[in-house]
Amino acid sequence: MQRFETVGHARPVALVQPGTDLTAPLAPSVAVEANVTGTSPVSLSLVSGEVTLTGTYDGTLGLTVTTGSRTTRHQSRRSSHPEAPVTTVGLALTGTHLSVLTREGGAPDSGWTVRGRLDLLDRVDTRDEAWLAGLVHHVTGTVGEVRAGAFGQLGLRDLRVVSHADGSPWREDGPDGEHVLLTATSAGPGFFDTAHTSVWSLDPRTLALEHRSDLFFRRPDRPGVFGDHASHLLRDTRGDHSRWLLTTSTWGDFDKSAPDASVGVTLAETRVDLTRGRHVLDTRALALPTTGLRSVGVWDPHLVRTDEGWLVAYVSARRFFRFHPVLAGGPSLDDLTLLGAASDRRATEGPVLARLDGADGRWQVLASDGRDGRAGQRRRYPVLDLHPDLPADRRLAEVGALDAPYPANIPWPTLLEEDDGWLMIGFDGRPHGGRLVGYGSHGRVVFARAPR
């Protein structure tokens, strides 16, 4: 395969997802924004039952939380003061986190800056479906246009091609030719628990991205709606029956400090079209084998069905955060056996099953070596294949590497085969939203091409 060269970037940012409203929100992923037109104080509130969540702007930015008879006020000492005239104030609820944000400086497309953020985990069960169903918004002050609806994204990461079960990309006719669909992690104003899964349309010629849907999940072991992500969506067709299968990593409430901290993979099955709209899906646990491995969690699933059954590539962590790729297979998704692992790696994730030029039709595993890997295993895209003569925990061994630019963070090596070559759809670690966001808003999409 020839060298990949970067050909474009994209970063769709939206606090309120266009075309949505705040009528009976399905998930704790909502936002309100208002254009500032005067000098009077502005407040934006989300209200349900005895809970009122408010963001205020009166020269500085702050948050107020009322739960029953208790009211608390919160203000960041360093970030609450805007650095330029405020044009828009926003309030976002993402998972258990409440954020107040600003657009500043007069430019209508200026970026969002988080000016206050608070974890509501000990105050409000924001994932409760009954509480969400009663959620409404209120805005006071001298404002112009007000927009309220589903939270959008501060960036995209963890991009995968939506596929048929045989691994071929799901394609749809667009006004100017065929488009492919991608799943992505829509980054929120914080770490894992502020993000969610989304679906996007990509025009491979122009590299234009268009938002299509947002997906949220019910877990089999606990109540509520979760913004789990790092997903793979595929269309499984057998005879006259077709269904969507969606495998997802349970990052939506991950807490590394918890004594039982873990991440798993869930499976949702439905005939409902998940490529448009906004959906909450019932899931069940997908048991991904870690036989012979020391494992505290698995994530990043990617599936293909072959003539012999299913192949599933994923990541296993021996501890947080030391992780490596694994490959399993079996006649059904409920009967998988570990085929091999690459336990010699310690910062490698984003596995993708692919058939590359010169691989004689074999499925291989592409992956991404992060900067914390061992010497020789950093900032690169290894190609892994099974070596039956090696021990199971080392059987998934490197046979080569993609020659491609490696941006910051751990970009997944998602490939789309085209008539004249390959398109790589990755991402980098560039943040959005200011210092209060911290890690997690990374997600500028990076495109690269390689000719035949």
Protein backbone atom coordinates (compact mmCIF):
# COMPACT_ATOMS: atom_id res chain seq x y z
CA MET A 1 0.00 0.00 0.00
CA GLN A 2 1.30 3.46 -0.89
CA ARG A 3 1.86 6.15 1.72
CA PHE A 4 -1.19 7.99 3.04
CA GLU A 5 -1.12 11.75 2.72
CA THR A 6 -3.37 14.11 4.70
CA VAL A 7 -6.01 15.64 2.44
CA GLY A 8 -8.43 17.39 4.78
CA HIS A 9 -9.83 18.11 8.23
CA ALA A 10 -13.29 18.63 9.67
CA ARG A 11 -14.66 19.56 13.07
CA PRO A 12 -18.43 19.91 13.27
CA VAL A 13 -19.26 21.76 16.50
CA ALA A 14 -22.81 22.35 17.76
CA LEU A 15 -24.07 23.01 21.27
CA VAL A 16 -27.70 22.49 20.19
CA GLN A 17 -28.01 19.95 17.40
CA PRO A 18 -29.82 21.73 14.53
CA GLY A 19 -33.32 20.47 13.82
CA THR A 20 -33.98 19.22 17.36
CA ASP A 21 -36.14 20.51 20.20
CA LEU A 22 -36.43 19.92 23.94
CA THR A 23 -39.76 18.09 23.90
CA ALA A 24 -39.51 15.09 26.26
CA PRO A 25 -35.78 14.49 25.80
CA LEU A 26 -34.80 10.83 25.59
CA ALA A 27 -31.38 11.13 27.19
CA PRO A 28 -29.31 13.38 29.48
CA SER A 29 -27.77 15.13 26.49
CA VAL A 30 -29.54 18.47 26.02
CA ALA A 31 -28.61 22.13 25.67
CA VAL A 32 -30.01 25.66 25.54
CA GLU A 33 -28.34 28.68 23.97
CA ALA A 34 -29.39 32.33 23.71
CA ASN A 35 -27.95 35.30 21.82
CA VAL A 36 -27.12 38.19 24.16
CA THR A 37 -28.61 41.50 22.98
CA GLY A 38 -28.37 43.74 26.05
CA THR A 39 -26.64 44.34 29.35
CA SER A 40 -29.16 42.81 31.74
CA PRO A 41 -28.30 39.52 33.48
CA VAL A 42 -29.14 36.39 31.50
CA SER A 43 -30.18 33.05 32.97
CA LEU A 44 -30.83 29.73 31.22
CA SER A 45 -32.53 26.97 33.15
CA LEU A 46 -33.43 23.30 32.76
CA VAL A 47 -36.29 22.33 35.05
CA SER A 48 -37.94 19.04 35.99
CA GLY A 49 -39.90 18.38 39.17
CA GLU A 50 -38.10 19.87 42.18
CA VAL A 51 -34.84 20.24 40.27
CA THR A 52 -33.73 23.48 38.59
CA LEU A 53 -30.37 23.69 36.85
CA THR A 54 -29.35 27.22 35.87
CA GLY A 55 -26.50 28.93 34.09
CA THR A 56 -26.15 32.66 34.68
CA TYR A 57 -24.32 35.54 33.03
CA ASP A 58 -24.13 38.90 34.79
CA GLY A 59 -20.65 39.93 33.74
CA THR A 60 -19.28 36.63 35.03
CA LEU A 61 -20.56 33.10 34.48
CA GLY A 62 -21.86 30.70 37.11
CA LEU A 63 -24.12 27.73 37.86
CA THR A 64 -26.98 27.38 40.35
CA VAL A 65 -28.48 24.01 41.33
CA THR A 66 -31.75 23.68 43.24
CA THR A 67 -32.85 20.24 44.46
CA GLY A 68 -35.90 20.48 46.67
CA SER A 69 -35.19 23.03 49.41
CA ARG A 70 -31.44 23.09 48.84
CA THR A 71 -29.82 25.64 46.50
CA THR A 72 -26.11 25.89 45.81
CA ARG A 73 -24.14 28.30 43.64
CA HIS A 74 -20.92 27.46 41.84
CA GLN A 75 -18.38 29.62 40.06
CA SER A 76 -14.96 28.87 38.64
CA ARG A 77 -12.32 31.12 40.16
CA ARG A 78 -10.18 31.14 37.01
CA SER A 79 -12.60 30.61 34.14
CA SER A 80 -15.79 32.48 35.02
CA HIS A 81 -14.65 35.79 33.51
CA PRO A 82 -15.10 36.12 29.73
CA GLU A 83 -12.14 37.42 27.77
CA ALA A 84 -14.16 39.32 25.14
CA PRO A 85 -17.73 40.60 24.72
CA VAL A 86 -20.16 37.70 25.12
CA THR A 87 -22.40 37.11 22.11
CA THR A 88 -24.08 33.85 23.16
CA VAL A 89 -24.61 32.03 26.45
CA GLY A 90 -25.19 28.27 26.55
CA LEU A 91 -26.20 25.67 29.14
CA ALA A 92 -25.55 21.97 28.53
CA LEU A 93 -26.46 18.82 30.43
CA THR A 94 -24.31 15.94 29.23
CA GLY A 95 -24.50 12.76 31.29
CA THR A 96 -24.22 13.91 34.89
CA HIS A 97 -22.34 17.11 34.04
CA LEU A 98 -23.82 20.62 33.86
CA SER A 99 -21.86 23.27 31.94
CA VAL A 100 -22.29 26.96 31.24
CA LEU A 101 -20.59 28.17 28.07
CA THR A 102 -20.02 31.34 26.06
CA ARG A 103 -19.30 32.46 22.57
CA GLU A 104 -17.23 35.62 22.66
CA GLY A 105 -15.70 38.23 20.42
CA GLY A 106 -18.49 39.03 18.00
CA ALA A 107 -17.88 36.38 15.34
CA PRO A 108 -21.08 34.38 14.77
CA ASP A 109 -19.10 31.16 14.30
CA SER A 110 -16.67 31.65 17.18
CA GLY A 111 -16.02 28.58 19.27
CA TRP A 112 -17.59 27.66 22.59
CA THR A 113 -15.71 28.13 25.86
CA VAL A 114 -16.81 26.34 29.03
CA ARG A 115 -16.95 28.92 31.83
CA GLY A 116 -18.31 26.64 34.54
CA ARG A 117 -18.81 22.89 34.97
CA LEU A 118 -20.29 20.79 37.76
CA ASP A 119 -20.79 17.05 38.27
CA LEU A 120 -24.35 16.43 39.50
CA LEU A 121 -23.83 12.76 40.32
CA ASP A 122 -24.51 13.19 44.05
CA ARG A 123 -27.39 15.66 43.55
CA VAL A 124 -29.59 14.56 40.63
CA ASP A 125 -30.24 11.27 38.84
CA THR A 126 -29.97 12.83 35.40
CA ARG A 127 -30.24 9.44 33.69
CA ASP A 128 -33.71 8.71 35.13
CA GLU A 129 -36.18 8.48 32.25
CA ALA A 130 -39.13 9.85 34.23
CA TRP A 131 -37.11 12.90 35.28
CA LEU A 132 -35.96 13.44 31.69
CA ALA A 133 -39.52 13.22 30.36
CA GLY A 134 -40.49 16.27 32.44
CA LEU A 135 -37.55 18.44 31.44
CA VAL A 136 -38.34 21.96 30.14
CA HIS A 137 -36.27 25.10 29.67
CA HIS A 138 -36.64 28.76 30.71
CA VAL A 139 -34.63 31.80 29.61
CA THR A 140 -34.68 35.27 31.17
CA GLY A 141 -32.84 38.49 30.38
CA THR A 142 -32.28 40.62 27.31
CA VAL A 143 -31.74 37.98 24.65
CA GLY A 144 -32.50 37.46 21.00
CA GLU A 145 -32.88 34.05 19.39
CA VAL A 146 -33.15 31.12 21.79
CA ARG A 147 -32.38 27.55 20.70
CA ALA A 148 -33.07 24.48 22.81
CA GLY A 149 -32.76 20.82 21.91
CA ALA A 150 -30.41 17.87 21.82
CA PHE A 151 -26.77 18.48 22.69
CA GLY A 152 -24.59 18.20 19.59
CA GLN A 153 -20.82 17.80 19.90
CA LEU A 154 -17.56 19.64 20.47
CA GLY A 155 -15.76 17.24 18.15
CA LEU A 156 -15.76 13.68 16.80
CA ARG A 157 -13.50 10.75 17.59
CA ASP A 158 -13.59 6.91 17.41
CA LEU A 159 -14.90 6.94 13.85
CA ARG A 160 -15.92 3.65 12.20
CA VAL A 161 -17.50 2.87 8.85
CA VAL A 162 -21.06 1.55 9.20
CA SER A 163 -20.94 -1.81 7.47
CA HIS A 164 -22.79 -4.84 6.26
CA ALA A 165 -22.13 -7.97 8.30
CA ASP A 166 -19.63 -9.14 5.66
CA GLY A 167 -17.49 -6.07 6.32
CA SER A 168 -18.40 -4.11 3.20
CA PRO A 169 -19.37 -0.46 3.80
CA TRP A 170 -23.02 0.55 4.00
CA ARG A 171 -23.56 2.96 1.13
CA GLU A 172 -26.47 5.27 0.37
CA ASP A 173 -27.30 7.38 -2.65
CA GLY A 174 -26.74 11.08 -2.13
CA PRO A 175 -27.61 14.04 -4.37
CA ASP A 176 -24.13 13.94 -5.89
CA GLY A 177 -23.22 10.25 -5.65
CA GLU A 178 -22.82 7.53 -3.09
CA HIS A 179 -22.20 8.38 0.56
CA VAL A 180 -20.99 6.13 3.35
CA LEU A 181 -22.11 6.26 6.98
CA LEU A 182 -19.89 6.51 10.03
CA THR A 183 -20.43 5.98 13.72
CA ALA A 184 -18.55 8.41 15.94
CA THR A 185 -18.13 9.43 19.54
CA SER A 186 -19.65 12.90 19.85
CA ALA A 187 -17.35 14.61 22.32
CA GLY A 188 -18.89 16.52 25.21
CA PRO A 189 -17.48 19.16 27.56
CA GLY A 190 -15.50 16.67 29.62
CA PHE A 191 -14.22 13.12 29.82
CA PHE A 192 -15.91 9.83 28.83
CA ASP A 193 -19.19 10.43 30.66
CA THR A 194 -20.13 13.58 28.71
CA ALA A 195 -19.98 11.95 25.26
CA HIS A 196 -22.40 9.80 23.24
CA THR A 197 -22.66 7.79 20.01
CA SER A 198 -23.71 9.47 16.77
CA VAL A 199 -24.09 8.53 13.09
CA TRP A 200 -22.78 10.69 10.25
CA SER A 201 -22.91 10.67 6.46
CA LEU A 202 -19.63 11.16 4.59
CA ASP A 203 -19.21 12.15 0.96
CA PRO A 204 -15.91 10.43 0.07
CA ARG A 205 -15.26 12.89 -2.76
CA THR A 206 -15.75 16.20 -0.96
CA LEU A 207 -15.13 14.86 2.58
CA ALA A 208 -18.28 16.66 3.73
CA LEU A 209 -19.83 15.31 6.94
CA GLU A 210 -23.56 15.49 7.75
CA HIS A 211 -25.11 14.57 11.09
CA ARG A 212 -27.71 11.80 10.86
CA SER A 213 -28.62 10.39 14.28
CA ASP A 214 -27.78 10.09 17.98
CA LEU A 215 -27.87 6.82 19.90
CA PHE A 216 -28.20 6.16 23.64
CA PHE A 217 -28.49 3.00 25.68
CA ARG A 218 -30.25 1.18 28.48
CA ARG A 219 -28.04 -1.27 30.32
CA PRO A 220 -29.15 -4.75 31.44
CA ASP A 221 -27.64 -4.33 34.93
CA ARG A 222 -28.77 -0.86 36.03
CA PRO A 223 -31.54 1.67 35.38
CA GLY A 224 -31.28 4.83 33.33
CA VAL A 225 -30.12 6.05 29.93
CA PHE A 226 -26.40 6.17 29.17
CA GLY A 227 -24.31 7.94 26.57
CA ASP A 228 -22.10 4.94 25.84
CA HIS A 229 -19.79 5.18 22.84
CA ALA A 230 -16.84 3.73 20.88
CA SER A 231 -19.29 1.75 18.77
CA HIS A 232 -19.72 -0.29 15.61
CA LEU A 233 -23.02 -0.35 13.70
CA LEU A 234 -23.65 -3.03 11.09
CA ARG A 235 -26.51 -4.31 8.98
CA ASP A 236 -27.06 -8.07 9.32
CA THR A 237 -29.18 -9.64 6.58
CA ARG A 238 -30.18 -13.29 6.54
CA GLY A 239 -32.82 -14.41 4.04
CA ASP A 240 -35.83 -12.11 4.32
CA HIS A 241 -34.78 -10.79 7.73
CA SER A 242 -32.62 -7.73 8.24
CA ARG A 243 -31.61 -6.08 11.50
CA TRP A 244 -29.21 -3.51 12.80
CA LEU A 245 -26.57 -4.73 15.26
CA LEU A 246 -24.84 -2.13 17.40
CA THR A 247 -21.94 -3.01 19.69
CA THR A 248 -20.88 -0.31 22.13
CA SER A 249 -18.34 0.26 24.89
CA THR A 250 -19.81 1.16 28.29
CA TRP A 251 -17.80 4.34 28.82
CA GLY A 252 -20.91 6.37 29.73
CA ASP A 253 -20.38 6.11 33.51
CA PHE A 254 -16.75 5.02 33.72
CA ASP A 255 -14.97 6.06 36.91
CA LYS A 256 -11.36 5.00 37.19
CA SER A 257 -11.36 5.71 40.94
CA ALA A 258 -14.19 3.27 41.66
CA PRO A 259 -12.97 0.06 43.35
CA ASP A 260 -14.83 -2.05 40.78
CA ALA A 261 -13.98 0.14 37.76
CA SER A 262 -14.52 -1.71 34.51
CA VAL A 263 -15.67 -1.30 30.93
CA GLY A 264 -17.63 -3.84 28.92
CA VAL A 265 -19.33 -4.17 25.55
CA THR A 266 -23.08 -4.30 24.96
CA LEU A 267 -25.09 -5.47 21.97
CA ALA A 268 -28.32 -3.93 20.70
CA GLU A 269 -30.47 -5.53 17.99
CA THR A 270 -33.32 -3.75 16.22
CA ARG A 271 -35.15 -3.39 12.93
CA VAL A 272 -35.68 0.32 13.55
CA ASP A 273 -33.64 2.55 11.24
CA LEU A 274 -30.81 3.82 13.44
CA THR A 275 -29.30 5.99 10.73
CA ARG A 276 -31.74 8.84 11.28
CA GLY A 277 -33.30 10.45 14.34
CA ARG A 278 -32.64 9.97 18.03
CA HIS A 279 -32.93 6.58 19.72
CA VAL A 280 -32.61 4.85 23.08
CA LEU A 281 -31.76 1.16 22.67
CA ASP A 282 -32.14 -1.80 24.99
CA THR A 283 -28.91 -3.78 25.20
CA ARG A 284 -27.50 -7.00 26.54
CA ALA A 285 -23.96 -7.77 27.57
CA LEU A 286 -21.75 -9.15 24.81
CA ALA A 287 -19.35 -11.60 26.42
CA LEU A 288 -15.96 -11.04 24.79
CA PRO A 289 -13.48 -13.70 25.92
CA THR A 290 -10.30 -12.86 27.82
CA THR A 291 -9.28 -16.46 28.58
CA GLY A 292 -5.68 -16.58 29.77
CA LEU A 293 -5.43 -12.79 29.94
CA ARG A 294 -5.37 -10.52 32.95
CA SER A 295 -8.26 -8.20 32.12
CA VAL A 296 -10.15 -5.44 33.93
CA GLY A 297 -12.23 -4.42 30.92
CA VAL A 298 -12.85 -4.65 27.17
CA TRP A 299 -13.85 -2.00 24.61
CA ASP A 300 -13.66 -0.81 20.96
CA PRO A 301 -15.53 -3.73 19.29
CA HIS A 302 -15.41 -4.31 15.52
CA LEU A 303 -17.32 -7.22 13.92
CA VAL A 304 -17.33 -9.17 10.67
CA ARG A 305 -19.32 -12.28 9.77
CA THR A 306 -17.45 -14.75 7.56
CA ASP A 307 -18.46 -18.09 6.05
CA GLU A 308 -17.18 -19.78 9.22
CA GLY A 309 -18.94 -17.44 11.68
CA TRP A 310 -18.11 -14.19 13.43
CA LEU A 311 -14.81 -12.42 13.98
CA VAL A 312 -14.64 -9.74 16.69
CA ALA A 313 -11.67 -7.46 17.27
CA TYR A 314 -11.55 -5.50 20.53
CA VAL A 315 -9.30 -4.17 23.26
CA SER A 316 -8.55 -5.73 26.64
CA ALA A 317 -6.92 -3.84 29.52
CA ARG A 318 -4.73 -5.55 32.07
CA ARG A 319 -5.21 -2.41 34.17
CA PHE A 320 -6.30 1.18 33.54
CA PHE A 321 -4.71 2.29 31.33
CA ARG A 322 -2.59 -0.51 29.88
CA PHE A 323 -4.37 -2.14 26.96
CA HIS A 324 -3.87 -4.22 23.83
CA PRO A 325 -5.85 -5.74 20.91
CA VAL A 326 -7.61 -9.12 21.01
CA LEU A 327 -9.26 -11.20 18.29
CA ALA A 328 -12.06 -13.69 18.97
CA GLY A 329 -14.21 -15.86 16.72
CA GLY A 330 -17.08 -18.30 16.83
CA PRO A 331 -20.21 -19.62 15.14
CA SER A 332 -22.36 -16.99 16.89
CA LEU A 333 -21.88 -13.88 18.96
CA ASP A 334 -22.92 -15.89 22.01
CA ASP A 335 -20.24 -18.53 21.39
CA LEU A 336 -16.92 -16.76 20.92
CA THR A 337 -13.44 -18.12 21.64
CA LEU A 338 -10.27 -16.13 22.02
CA LEU A 339 -8.14 -16.65 18.90
CA GLY A 340 -5.21 -14.48 19.81
CA ALA A 341 -4.02 -11.36 21.57
CA ALA A 342 -1.19 -8.85 21.32
CA SER A 343 -0.36 -8.62 25.02
CA ASP A 344 3.16 -7.39 24.24
CA ARG A 345 1.56 -4.00 23.57
CA ARG A 346 0.44 -1.63 26.32
CA ALA A 347 -1.14 1.41 24.63
CA THR A 348 -2.75 0.02 21.48
CA GLU A 349 -6.47 0.33 20.74
CA GLY A 350 -9.01 1.12 18.00
CA PRO A 351 -8.76 -2.32 16.30
CA VAL A 352 -10.28 -2.56 12.82
CA LEU A 353 -10.81 -5.77 10.83
CA ALA A 354 -9.66 -5.20 7.25
CA ARG A 355 -8.58 -7.02 4.11
CA LEU A 356 -5.64 -5.10 2.70
CA ASP A 357 -3.96 -5.24 -0.69
CA GLY A 358 -1.72 -8.29 -0.78
CA ALA A 359 -3.38 -10.04 2.16
CA ASP A 360 -4.83 -12.79 -0.10
CA GLY A 361 -8.32 -12.09 1.16
CA ARG A 362 -7.44 -12.72 4.82
CA TRP A 363 -8.94 -10.61 7.55
CA GLN A 364 -6.23 -8.79 9.46
CA VAL A 365 -6.41 -6.46 12.44
CA LEU A 366 -5.33 -2.85 12.10
CA ALA A 367 -4.68 -0.94 15.31
CA SER A 368 -3.24 2.28 16.68
CA ASP A 369 -0.13 2.52 18.89
CA GLY A 370 -0.41 5.48 21.24
CA ARG A 371 2.45 7.57 22.53
CA ASP A 372 2.66 5.54 25.78
CA GLY A 373 3.58 2.31 24.03
CA ARG A 374 6.87 0.49 24.28
CA ALA A 375 9.83 1.46 22.13
CA GLY A 376 9.01 0.66 18.53
CA GLN A 377 5.28 0.64 19.34
CA ARG A 378 4.51 4.35 19.47
CA ARG A 379 2.58 6.66 17.14
CA ARG A 380 2.01 4.14 14.36
CA TYR A 381 -0.60 1.84 12.82
CA PRO A 382 0.46 -1.83 13.13
CA VAL A 383 -1.05 -4.54 10.94
CA LEU A 384 -1.63 -7.69 13.02
CA ASP A 385 -2.20 -11.27 11.91
CA LEU A 386 -2.63 -14.61 13.69
CA HIS A 387 0.48 -16.75 14.18
CA PRO A 388 -0.73 -20.21 15.33
CA ASP A 389 2.73 -21.25 16.59
CA LEU A 390 2.86 -18.48 19.20
CA PRO A 391 1.27 -18.51 22.69
CA ALA A 392 -2.35 -17.30 22.63
CA ASP A 393 -1.56 -14.02 24.40
CA ARG A 394 1.07 -13.19 21.71
CA ARG A 395 -0.59 -14.92 18.75
CA LEU A 396 -1.88 -11.65 17.28
CA ALA A 397 1.48 -10.48 16.01
CA GLU A 398 2.61 -7.57 13.87
CA VAL A 399 3.28 -8.27 10.19
CA GLY A 400 3.67 -4.69 9.00
CA ALA A 401 2.42 -1.15 9.50
CA LEU A 402 0.48 1.43 7.54
CA ASP A 403 2.59 4.28 6.20
CA ALA A 404 0.39 7.16 7.30
CA PRO A 405 0.51 10.42 9.26
CA TYR A 406 -0.13 9.91 12.97
CA PRO A 407 -1.85 12.87 14.67
CA ALA A 408 -2.04 13.35 18.43
CA ASN A 409 -4.02 11.06 20.76
CA ILE A 410 -4.75 7.47 19.52
CA PRO A 411 -6.55 7.81 16.16
CA TRP A 412 -8.29 4.68 14.89
CA PRO A 413 -7.06 3.44 11.48
CA THR A 414 -10.51 3.35 9.87
CA LEU A 415 -10.18 2.62 6.14
CA LEU A 416 -12.59 2.99 3.24
CA GLU A 417 -11.66 1.23 0.01
CA GLU A 418 -12.30 3.27 -3.13
CA ASP A 419 -11.83 2.56 -6.84
CA ASP A 420 -8.55 4.47 -6.98
CA GLY A 421 -7.16 3.71 -3.53
CA TRP A 422 -7.91 4.03 0.17
CA LEU A 423 -9.32 6.78 2.38
CA MET A 424 -8.27 6.82 6.05
CA ILE A 425 -10.74 8.46 8.45
CA GLY A 426 -8.96 9.33 11.68
CA PHE A 427 -8.95 12.04 14.34
CA ASP A 428 -6.50 14.00 16.43
CA GLY A 429 -6.24 15.18 20.02
CA ARG A 430 -6.97 18.86 19.47
CA PRO A 431 -9.36 20.01 22.26
CA HIS A 432 -12.26 22.45 22.05
CA GLY A 433 -13.93 24.40 24.83
CA GLY A 434 -11.20 25.83 27.04
CA ARG A 435 -9.32 24.72 30.13
CA LEU A 436 -12.34 23.50 32.17
CA VAL A 437 -13.10 20.81 29.61
CA GLY A 438 -9.87 18.96 30.24
CA TYR A 439 -9.35 15.67 28.43
CA GLY A 440 -12.25 14.40 26.36
CA SER A 441 -13.24 17.11 23.88
CA HIS A 442 -10.53 15.98 21.47
CA GLY A 443 -11.90 15.14 18.06
CA ARG A 444 -10.87 16.94 14.90
CA VAL A 445 -11.49 14.53 12.01
CA VAL A 446 -8.40 13.93 9.86
CA PHE A 447 -8.65 12.50 6.33
CA ALA A 448 -5.76 10.88 4.45
CA ARG A 449 -5.57 9.11 1.08
CA ALA A 450 -3.34 6.44 -0.41
CA PRO A 451 -3.44 5.49 -4.11
CA ARG A 452 -3.33 1.91 -5.34
